[in-house]
Amino acid sequence: MSMVNEVPANAMVVDVREYVEFAAGHIKGAQLAPLGDVEKVASAWPREQALVLVCKGGVRAERARQRLTAMGFAELLVLRGGMDSWVSEGRPVVTESRQPWSMERQVRIAAGTLVLVTLVLAVTLSKLWLIGTTFVGAGLVFAGVSNICMMASLLGKLPWNRARQCR
């Protein structure tokens, strides 16, 4: 794996994080290509273009490097330590004017709302609505144990969590 600490002048910076992360701060001139869409977005790029892949810490960027290698890209570099290192070193970041709430905050609001609504329905209509409360609680426990949050996956598909276009 080729890792770099700096962005070469001739390279295109490709940020493979999700839009919410990208909007909170990215390298100037970076192109957004979330890991789930990277092959689709990259299909229009020249294969000989040098690419510096960036994510939060490096894991998703390495996955993107593997996928893009399979597509025939020649010069793929991963930014060592990702945006975490970039920011901790005091390097400049650009933020989007449209700042969506963090996914964690959205999950807390959605889960809390679902619990309150199903609880109110259980008290006023039928105790069967407690199944909904139980389902949300079980989903949160599963998310905590497995680090896989189905609610975040669903919320990530909503329009305010998607870039208007991948740049």
C-alpha atoms as a PDB file:
ATOM      1  CA  MET A   1       0.000   0.000   0.000  1.00  0.00           C
ATOM      2  CA  SER A   2       1.336   3.430  -0.948  1.00  0.00           C
ATOM      3  CA  MET A   3       0.757   6.024   1.731  1.00  0.00           C
ATOM      4  CA  VAL A   4       1.566   9.727   1.654  1.00  0.00           C
ATOM      5  CA  ASN A   5       1.657  12.545   4.183  1.00  0.00           C
ATOM      6  CA  GLU A   6       1.332  15.279   1.561  1.00  0.00           C
ATOM      7  CA  VAL A   7      -0.838  15.704  -1.512  1.00  0.00           C
ATOM      8  CA  PRO A   8       1.306  15.742  -4.679  1.00  0.00           C
ATOM      9  CA  ALA A   9       0.636  18.743  -6.929  1.00  0.00           C
ATOM     10  CA  ASN A  10      -0.523  16.591  -9.861  1.00  0.00           C
ATOM     11  CA  ALA A  11      -2.879  14.386  -7.830  1.00  0.00           C
ATOM     12  CA  MET A  12      -6.631  14.565  -7.478  1.00  0.00           C
ATOM     13  CA  VAL A  13      -7.832  14.234  -3.877  1.00  0.00           C
ATOM     14  CA  VAL A  14     -10.735  11.792  -3.554  1.00  0.00           C
ATOM     15  CA  ASP A  15     -12.647  11.823  -0.264  1.00  0.00           C
ATOM     16  CA  VAL A  16     -14.407   8.486   0.263  1.00  0.00           C
ATOM     17  CA  ARG A  17     -16.283   9.465   3.426  1.00  0.00           C
ATOM     18  CA  GLU A  18     -20.024  10.067   3.537  1.00  0.00           C
ATOM     19  CA  TYR A  19     -21.444  13.492   2.736  1.00  0.00           C
ATOM     20  CA  VAL A  20     -22.101  14.392   6.409  1.00  0.00           C
ATOM     21  CA  GLU A  21     -18.399  13.878   7.201  1.00  0.00           C
ATOM     22  CA  PHE A  22     -17.255  15.624   4.026  1.00  0.00           C
ATOM     23  CA  ALA A  23     -19.469  18.657   4.712  1.00  0.00           C
ATOM     24  CA  ALA A  24     -17.989  19.024   8.211  1.00  0.00           C
ATOM     25  CA  GLY A  25     -14.487  19.462   6.781  1.00  0.00           C
ATOM     26  CA  HIS A  26     -12.478  18.307   3.783  1.00  0.00           C
ATOM     27  CA  ILE A  27      -9.287  19.115   1.903  1.00  0.00           C
ATOM     28  CA  LYS A  28      -9.670  22.007  -0.526  1.00  0.00           C
ATOM     29  CA  GLY A  29     -10.427  20.719  -4.022  1.00  0.00           C
ATOM     30  CA  ALA A  30     -11.303  17.206  -2.833  1.00  0.00           C
ATOM     31  CA  GLN A  31     -13.789  15.244  -4.907  1.00  0.00           C
ATOM     32  CA  LEU A  32     -16.501  13.459  -2.942  1.00  0.00           C
ATOM     33  CA  ALA A  33     -16.893   9.788  -3.874  1.00  0.00           C
ATOM     34  CA  PRO A  34     -18.377   7.884  -0.904  1.00  0.00           C
ATOM     35  CA  LEU A  35     -16.978   4.375  -0.606  1.00  0.00           C
ATOM     36  CA  GLY A  36     -20.328   2.826  -1.555  1.00  0.00           C
ATOM     37  CA  ASP A  37     -20.367   4.829  -4.804  1.00  0.00           C
ATOM     38  CA  VAL A  38     -16.655   5.058  -5.573  1.00  0.00           C
ATOM     39  CA  GLU A  39     -16.655   2.678  -8.565  1.00  0.00           C
ATOM     40  CA  LYS A  40     -19.609   4.447 -10.165  1.00  0.00           C
ATOM     41  CA  VAL A  41     -18.121   7.921  -9.653  1.00  0.00           C
ATOM     42  CA  ALA A  42     -14.619   6.812 -10.719  1.00  0.00           C
ATOM     43  CA  SER A  43     -15.825   5.330 -14.001  1.00  0.00           C
ATOM     44  CA  ALA A  44     -15.521   8.797 -15.578  1.00  0.00           C
ATOM     45  CA  TRP A  45     -11.979   9.485 -14.336  1.00  0.00           C
ATOM     46  CA  PRO A  46      -8.842   8.897 -16.440  1.00  0.00           C
ATOM     47  CA  ARG A  47      -7.084   5.713 -15.270  1.00  0.00           C
ATOM     48  CA  GLU A  48      -3.626   7.336 -15.401  1.00  0.00           C
ATOM     49  CA  GLN A  49      -4.633  10.203 -13.048  1.00  0.00           C
ATOM     50  CA  ALA A  50      -2.798  10.124  -9.704  1.00  0.00           C
ATOM     51  CA  LEU A  51      -5.365   9.846  -6.897  1.00  0.00           C
ATOM     52  CA  VAL A  52      -4.888  10.523  -3.188  1.00  0.00           C
ATOM     53  CA  LEU A  53      -7.634   8.687  -1.301  1.00  0.00           C
ATOM     54  CA  VAL A  54      -8.842  10.175   1.972  1.00  0.00           C
ATOM     55  CA  CYS A  55     -11.210   9.034   4.713  1.00  0.00           C
ATOM     56  CA  LYS A  56     -11.406   9.587   8.468  1.00  0.00           C
ATOM     57  CA  GLY A  57      -8.472   7.395   9.490  1.00  0.00           C
ATOM     58  CA  GLY A  58      -7.413   5.357   6.452  1.00  0.00           C
ATOM     59  CA  VAL A  59      -9.498   2.168   6.498  1.00  0.00           C
ATOM     60  CA  ARG A  60     -12.114   3.213   3.926  1.00  0.00           C
ATOM     61  CA  ALA A  61      -9.450   4.839   1.768  1.00  0.00           C
ATOM     62  CA  GLU A  62      -7.579   1.529   1.653  1.00  0.00           C
ATOM     63  CA  ARG A  63     -10.768  -0.291   0.659  1.00  0.00           C
ATOM     64  CA  ALA A  64     -11.310   2.291  -2.087  1.00  0.00           C
ATOM     65  CA  ARG A  65      -7.698   1.780  -3.224  1.00  0.00           C
ATOM     66  CA  GLN A  66      -8.338  -1.949  -3.600  1.00  0.00           C
ATOM     67  CA  ARG A  67     -11.531  -1.363  -5.588  1.00  0.00           C
ATOM     68  CA  LEU A  68      -9.939   1.246  -7.847  1.00  0.00           C
ATOM     69  CA  THR A  69      -6.895  -0.968  -8.429  1.00  0.00           C
ATOM     70  CA  ALA A  70      -9.272  -3.642  -9.732  1.00  0.00           C
ATOM     71  CA  MET A  71     -10.691  -1.002 -12.106  1.00  0.00           C
ATOM     72  CA  GLY A  72      -7.245  -0.352 -13.590  1.00  0.00           C
ATOM     73  CA  PHE A  73      -6.191   2.879 -11.878  1.00  0.00           C
ATOM     74  CA  ALA A  74      -2.413   3.152 -11.980  1.00  0.00           C
ATOM     75  CA  GLU A  75      -1.343   5.603  -9.263  1.00  0.00           C
ATOM     76  CA  LEU A  76      -3.338   5.300  -6.046  1.00  0.00           C
ATOM     77  CA  LEU A  77      -2.120   6.786  -2.782  1.00  0.00           C
ATOM     78  CA  VAL A  78      -3.745   6.743   0.664  1.00  0.00           C
ATOM     79  CA  LEU A  79      -3.364   9.783   2.928  1.00  0.00           C
ATOM     80  CA  ARG A  80      -1.634   8.449   6.052  1.00  0.00           C
ATOM     81  CA  GLY A  81      -3.910   8.851   9.085  1.00  0.00           C
ATOM     82  CA  GLY A  82      -6.715  10.347   6.991  1.00  0.00           C
ATOM     83  CA  MET A  83      -8.529  13.510   7.936  1.00  0.00           C
ATOM     84  CA  ASP A  84      -7.908  12.819  11.631  1.00  0.00           C
ATOM     85  CA  SER A  85      -4.167  13.346  11.081  1.00  0.00           C
ATOM     86  CA  TRP A  86      -4.689  16.182   8.611  1.00  0.00           C
ATOM     87  CA  VAL A  87      -6.772  18.139  11.143  1.00  0.00           C
ATOM     88  CA  SER A  88      -4.579  17.288  14.155  1.00  0.00           C
ATOM     89  CA  GLU A  89      -1.572  18.680  12.250  1.00  0.00           C
ATOM     90  CA  GLY A  90      -3.452  21.972  11.848  1.00  0.00           C
ATOM     91  CA  ARG A  91      -3.800  21.745   8.089  1.00  0.00           C
ATOM     92  CA  PRO A  92      -6.574  23.725   6.409  1.00  0.00           C
ATOM     93  CA  VAL A  93     -10.018  22.283   5.800  1.00  0.00           C
ATOM     94  CA  VAL A  94     -13.009  23.559   3.867  1.00  0.00           C
ATOM     95  CA  THR A  95     -16.533  23.200   5.246  1.00  0.00           C
ATOM     96  CA  GLU A  96     -19.716  23.135   3.239  1.00  0.00           C
ATOM     97  CA  SER A  97     -22.252  25.901   3.788  1.00  0.00           C
ATOM     98  CA  ARG A  98     -24.948  23.205   4.084  1.00  0.00           C
ATOM     99  CA  GLN A  99     -24.149  21.401   7.347  1.00  0.00           C
ATOM    100  CA  PRO A 100     -26.327  18.336   8.008  1.00  0.00           C
ATOM    101  CA  TRP A 101     -26.575  17.035  11.547  1.00  0.00           C
ATOM    102  CA  SER A 102     -24.195  14.235  12.473  1.00  0.00           C
ATOM    103  CA  MET A 103     -25.528  10.731  11.866  1.00  0.00           C
ATOM    104  CA  GLU A 104     -25.237   9.922  15.578  1.00  0.00           C
ATOM    105  CA  ARG A 105     -27.463  12.892  16.419  1.00  0.00           C
ATOM    106  CA  GLN A 106     -30.004  11.880  13.764  1.00  0.00           C
ATOM    107  CA  VAL A 107     -30.112   8.301  15.125  1.00  0.00           C
ATOM    108  CA  ARG A 108     -30.681   9.559  18.679  1.00  0.00           C
ATOM    109  CA  ILE A 109     -33.554  11.785  17.522  1.00  0.00           C
ATOM    110  CA  ALA A 110     -35.155   9.071  15.370  1.00  0.00           C
ATOM    111  CA  ALA A 111     -34.805   6.357  18.028  1.00  0.00           C
ATOM    112  CA  GLY A 112     -36.092   8.617  20.797  1.00  0.00           C
ATOM    113  CA  THR A 113     -39.058   9.681  18.670  1.00  0.00           C
ATOM    114  CA  LEU A 114     -39.932   6.069  17.809  1.00  0.00           C
ATOM    115  CA  VAL A 115     -39.733   5.023  21.467  1.00  0.00           C
ATOM    116  CA  LEU A 116     -41.923   7.918  22.622  1.00  0.00           C
ATOM    117  CA  VAL A 117     -44.517   7.417  19.863  1.00  0.00           C
ATOM    118  CA  THR A 118     -44.804   3.667  20.416  1.00  0.00           C
ATOM    119  CA  LEU A 119     -44.945   4.190  24.189  1.00  0.00           C
ATOM    120  CA  VAL A 120     -47.767   6.741  23.861  1.00  0.00           C
ATOM    121  CA  LEU A 121     -49.617   4.388  21.491  1.00  0.00           C
ATOM    122  CA  ALA A 122     -49.125   1.512  23.931  1.00  0.00           C
ATOM    123  CA  VAL A 123     -50.570   3.552  26.825  1.00  0.00           C
ATOM    124  CA  THR A 124     -53.492   4.978  24.842  1.00  0.00           C
ATOM    125  CA  LEU A 125     -54.413   2.276  22.295  1.00  0.00           C
ATOM    126  CA  SER A 126     -52.905  -1.142  22.827  1.00  0.00           C
ATOM    127  CA  LYS A 127     -50.029  -2.677  24.728  1.00  0.00           C
ATOM    128  CA  LEU A 128     -49.031  -4.376  21.453  1.00  0.00           C
ATOM    129  CA  TRP A 129     -47.324  -1.099  20.507  1.00  0.00           C
ATOM    130  CA  LEU A 130     -44.655  -1.996  23.092  1.00  0.00           C
ATOM    131  CA  ILE A 131     -43.322  -4.342  20.417  1.00  0.00           C
ATOM    132  CA  GLY A 132     -42.162  -1.229  18.554  1.00  0.00           C
ATOM    133  CA  THR A 133     -40.405   0.103  21.649  1.00  0.00           C
ATOM    134  CA  THR A 134     -38.754  -3.282  22.165  1.00  0.00           C
ATOM    135  CA  PHE A 135     -37.687  -3.423  18.511  1.00  0.00           C
ATOM    136  CA  VAL A 136     -36.002   0.010  18.704  1.00  0.00           C
ATOM    137  CA  GLY A 137     -34.257  -0.910  21.958  1.00  0.00           C
ATOM    138  CA  ALA A 138     -33.024  -4.208  20.518  1.00  0.00           C
ATOM    139  CA  GLY A 139     -31.772  -2.400  17.412  1.00  0.00           C
ATOM    140  CA  LEU A 140     -29.802   0.056  19.538  1.00  0.00           C
ATOM    141  CA  VAL A 141     -28.237  -2.773  21.561  1.00  0.00           C
ATOM    142  CA  PHE A 142     -27.321  -4.591  18.331  1.00  0.00           C
ATOM    143  CA  ALA A 143     -25.795  -1.386  16.930  1.00  0.00           C
ATOM    144  CA  GLY A 144     -23.733  -0.907  20.071  1.00  0.00           C
ATOM    145  CA  VAL A 145     -22.449  -4.482  20.153  1.00  0.00           C
ATOM    146  CA  SER A 146     -21.830  -4.979  16.420  1.00  0.00           C
ATOM    147  CA  ASN A 147     -21.001  -1.391  15.393  1.00  0.00           C
ATOM    148  CA  ILE A 148     -23.557  -1.818  12.567  1.00  0.00           C
ATOM    149  CA  CYS A 149     -26.445   0.624  12.769  1.00  0.00           C
ATOM    150  CA  MET A 150     -29.347  -0.171  10.458  1.00  0.00           C
ATOM    151  CA  MET A 151     -31.099   3.062  11.402  1.00  0.00           C
ATOM    152  CA  ALA A 152     -28.026   5.085  10.360  1.00  0.00           C
ATOM    153  CA  SER A 153     -27.932   3.153   7.089  1.00  0.00           C
ATOM    154  CA  LEU A 154     -31.538   4.113   6.398  1.00  0.00           C
ATOM    155  CA  LEU A 155     -31.096   7.727   7.513  1.00  0.00           C
ATOM    156  CA  GLY A 156     -28.018   8.008   5.282  1.00  0.00           C
ATOM    157  CA  LYS A 157     -30.240   7.508   2.234  1.00  0.00           C
ATOM    158  CA  LEU A 158     -32.398  10.549   3.022  1.00  0.00           C
ATOM    159  CA  PRO A 159     -31.905  13.588   0.764  1.00  0.00           C
ATOM    160  CA  TRP A 160     -30.337  15.874   3.371  1.00  0.00           C
ATOM    161  CA  ASN A 161     -27.607  13.281   4.014  1.00  0.00           C
ATOM    162  CA  ARG A 162     -26.617  13.014   0.357  1.00  0.00           C
ATOM    163  CA  ALA A 163     -24.532  15.451  -1.617  1.00  0.00           C
ATOM    164  CA  ARG A 164     -26.534  17.186  -4.292  1.00  0.00           C
ATOM    165  CA  GLN A 165     -23.993  15.717  -6.681  1.00  0.00           C
ATOM    166  CA  CYS A 166     -20.728  13.870  -6.375  1.00  0.00           C
ATOM    167  CA  ARG A 167     -18.120  16.351  -7.473  1.00  0.00           C
END
